[in-house]
Amino acid sequence: YFPGLVASVASETNTIAAALSYGQTTTAGGFALKRVPLTLRTKLPNGTPAESTAEADFTASKKATVLIIPDSYGRFRPRVTADGTNR
């Protein structure tokens, strides 16, 4: 819905992605094996700042995927999925 959307993603301790553009991906590592709160920030096409939160649970998996999904109402919802197990 928003091809010009640029988002930032941060944990409590560091920035994971400072400027993640629509359709772009990034990889980050070094997370503790615990639940990590994430904050996602962007500006909507009309210039309004938007923020959303999500949690990556690294107690069950060392890998997680965060999808940032904008909707036609100007909101965006992060979705977090665990990828594999801690082996």
C-alpha atoms as a PDB file:
ATOM      1  CA  TYR A   1       0.000   0.000   0.000  1.00  0.00           C
ATOM      2  CA  PHE A   2       2.843   2.418   0.736  1.00  0.00           C
ATOM      3  CA  PRO A   3       5.766   1.909  -1.661  1.00  0.00           C
ATOM      4  CA  GLY A   4       7.522   5.005  -0.221  1.00  0.00           C
ATOM      5  CA  LEU A   5       7.313   3.746   3.368  1.00  0.00           C
ATOM      6  CA  VAL A   6      10.589   3.762   5.350  1.00  0.00           C
ATOM      7  CA  ALA A   7      10.594   2.167   8.811  1.00  0.00           C
ATOM      8  CA  SER A   8      13.087   1.886  11.642  1.00  0.00           C
ATOM      9  CA  VAL A   9      13.245  -1.124  13.952  1.00  0.00           C
ATOM     10  CA  ALA A  10      14.892  -1.098  17.377  1.00  0.00           C
ATOM     11  CA  SER A  11      15.186  -3.336  20.411  1.00  0.00           C
ATOM     12  CA  GLU A  12      15.582  -2.016  23.944  1.00  0.00           C
ATOM     13  CA  THR A  13      19.356  -1.860  23.508  1.00  0.00           C
ATOM     14  CA  ASN A  14      20.119  -1.118  19.851  1.00  0.00           C
ATOM     15  CA  THR A  15      18.881  -0.114  16.424  1.00  0.00           C
ATOM     16  CA  ILE A  16      18.257  -3.109  14.191  1.00  0.00           C
ATOM     17  CA  ALA A  17      17.404  -1.172  11.013  1.00  0.00           C
ATOM     18  CA  ALA A  18      17.555   2.625  10.786  1.00  0.00           C
ATOM     19  CA  ALA A  19      15.865   3.009   7.394  1.00  0.00           C
ATOM     20  CA  LEU A  20      14.184  -0.101   6.030  1.00  0.00           C
ATOM     21  CA  SER A  21      12.425   0.700   2.750  1.00  0.00           C
ATOM     22  CA  TYR A  22       9.297  -0.934   1.397  1.00  0.00           C
ATOM     23  CA  GLY A  23      10.158  -4.410   0.100  1.00  0.00           C
ATOM     24  CA  GLN A  24      13.649  -4.400   1.633  1.00  0.00           C
ATOM     25  CA  THR A  25      14.981  -6.964   4.117  1.00  0.00           C
ATOM     26  CA  THR A  26      17.762  -6.935   6.694  1.00  0.00           C
ATOM     27  CA  THR A  27      19.374  -9.477   8.995  1.00  0.00           C
ATOM     28  CA  ALA A  28      20.534  -8.829  12.571  1.00  0.00           C
ATOM     29  CA  GLY A  29      22.100 -11.087  15.183  1.00  0.00           C
ATOM     30  CA  GLY A  30      23.497 -11.207  18.675  1.00  0.00           C
ATOM     31  CA  PHE A  31      20.208 -11.300  20.550  1.00  0.00           C
ATOM     32  CA  ALA A  32      20.021 -12.857  24.016  1.00  0.00           C
ATOM     33  CA  LEU A  33      17.914 -16.025  24.272  1.00  0.00           C
ATOM     34  CA  LYS A  34      14.957 -14.225  25.844  1.00  0.00           C
ATOM     35  CA  ARG A  35      11.896 -12.257  24.808  1.00  0.00           C
ATOM     36  CA  VAL A  36      13.006  -9.075  23.048  1.00  0.00           C
ATOM     37  CA  PRO A  37      10.572  -6.155  22.683  1.00  0.00           C
ATOM     38  CA  LEU A  38      10.795  -4.401  19.319  1.00  0.00           C
ATOM     39  CA  THR A  39       9.662  -0.893  18.386  1.00  0.00           C
ATOM     40  CA  LEU A  40       8.871  -0.017  14.781  1.00  0.00           C
ATOM     41  CA  ARG A  41       8.585   3.616  13.686  1.00  0.00           C
ATOM     42  CA  THR A  42       7.677   5.241  10.388  1.00  0.00           C
ATOM     43  CA  LYS A  43       5.969   8.270   8.888  1.00  0.00           C
ATOM     44  CA  LEU A  44       2.794   7.636   6.939  1.00  0.00           C
ATOM     45  CA  PRO A  45       2.391   9.146   3.451  1.00  0.00           C
ATOM     46  CA  ASN A  46       0.561  12.140   4.972  1.00  0.00           C
ATOM     47  CA  GLY A  47       3.561  12.815   7.281  1.00  0.00           C
ATOM     48  CA  THR A  48       1.949  11.493  10.468  1.00  0.00           C
ATOM     49  CA  PRO A  49       4.400   9.567  12.671  1.00  0.00           C
ATOM     50  CA  ALA A  50       3.338   5.985  13.392  1.00  0.00           C
ATOM     51  CA  GLU A  51       4.728   3.553  15.956  1.00  0.00           C
ATOM     52  CA  SER A  52       3.993  -0.069  16.691  1.00  0.00           C
ATOM     53  CA  THR A  53       5.491  -2.708  18.964  1.00  0.00           C
ATOM     54  CA  ALA A  54       6.091  -6.429  18.706  1.00  0.00           C
ATOM     55  CA  GLU A  55       8.016  -9.059  20.625  1.00  0.00           C
ATOM     56  CA  ALA A  56      10.483 -11.613  19.291  1.00  0.00           C
ATOM     57  CA  ASP A  57      10.645 -14.688  21.525  1.00  0.00           C
ATOM     58  CA  PHE A  58      14.166 -16.100  21.338  1.00  0.00           C
ATOM     59  CA  THR A  59      13.511 -18.566  24.191  1.00  0.00           C
ATOM     60  CA  ALA A  60      11.927 -20.972  21.691  1.00  0.00           C
ATOM     61  CA  SER A  61      13.962 -20.156  18.589  1.00  0.00           C
ATOM     62  CA  LYS A  62      17.273 -18.466  17.776  1.00  0.00           C
ATOM     63  CA  LYS A  63      15.741 -17.038  14.591  1.00  0.00           C
ATOM     64  CA  ALA A  64      12.675 -14.901  14.030  1.00  0.00           C
ATOM     65  CA  THR A  65      11.127 -13.086  11.092  1.00  0.00           C
ATOM     66  CA  VAL A  66       9.383  -9.737  11.546  1.00  0.00           C
ATOM     67  CA  LEU A  67       6.976  -8.697   8.808  1.00  0.00           C
ATOM     68  CA  ILE A  68       5.785  -5.083   8.683  1.00  0.00           C
ATOM     69  CA  ILE A  69       2.394  -5.047   7.011  1.00  0.00           C
ATOM     70  CA  PRO A  70       0.743  -1.671   6.244  1.00  0.00           C
ATOM     71  CA  ASP A  71      -2.995  -1.541   5.638  1.00  0.00           C
ATOM     72  CA  SER A  72      -5.162   0.761   3.542  1.00  0.00           C
ATOM     73  CA  TYR A  73      -6.171   2.763   6.650  1.00  0.00           C
ATOM     74  CA  GLY A  74      -2.662   4.087   7.300  1.00  0.00           C
ATOM     75  CA  ARG A  75      -1.843   1.665  10.117  1.00  0.00           C
ATOM     76  CA  PHE A  76       0.879  -0.920  10.131  1.00  0.00           C
ATOM     77  CA  ARG A  77       1.043  -4.140  12.086  1.00  0.00           C
ATOM     78  CA  PRO A  78       4.231  -6.080  12.779  1.00  0.00           C
ATOM     79  CA  ARG A  79       4.000  -9.870  12.715  1.00  0.00           C
ATOM     80  CA  VAL A  80       6.715 -11.989  14.346  1.00  0.00           C
ATOM     81  CA  THR A  81       7.237 -15.671  13.565  1.00  0.00           C
ATOM     82  CA  ALA A  82       9.773 -18.069  15.078  1.00  0.00           C
ATOM     83  CA  ASP A  83      12.054 -19.790  12.577  1.00  0.00           C
ATOM     84  CA  GLY A  84      13.274 -23.165  13.831  1.00  0.00           C
ATOM     85  CA  THR A  85      14.357 -24.288  17.271  1.00  0.00           C
ATOM     86  CA  ASN A  86      17.316 -23.613  19.570  1.00  0.00           C
ATOM     87  CA  ARG A  87      19.612 -26.475  18.673  1.00  0.00           C
END
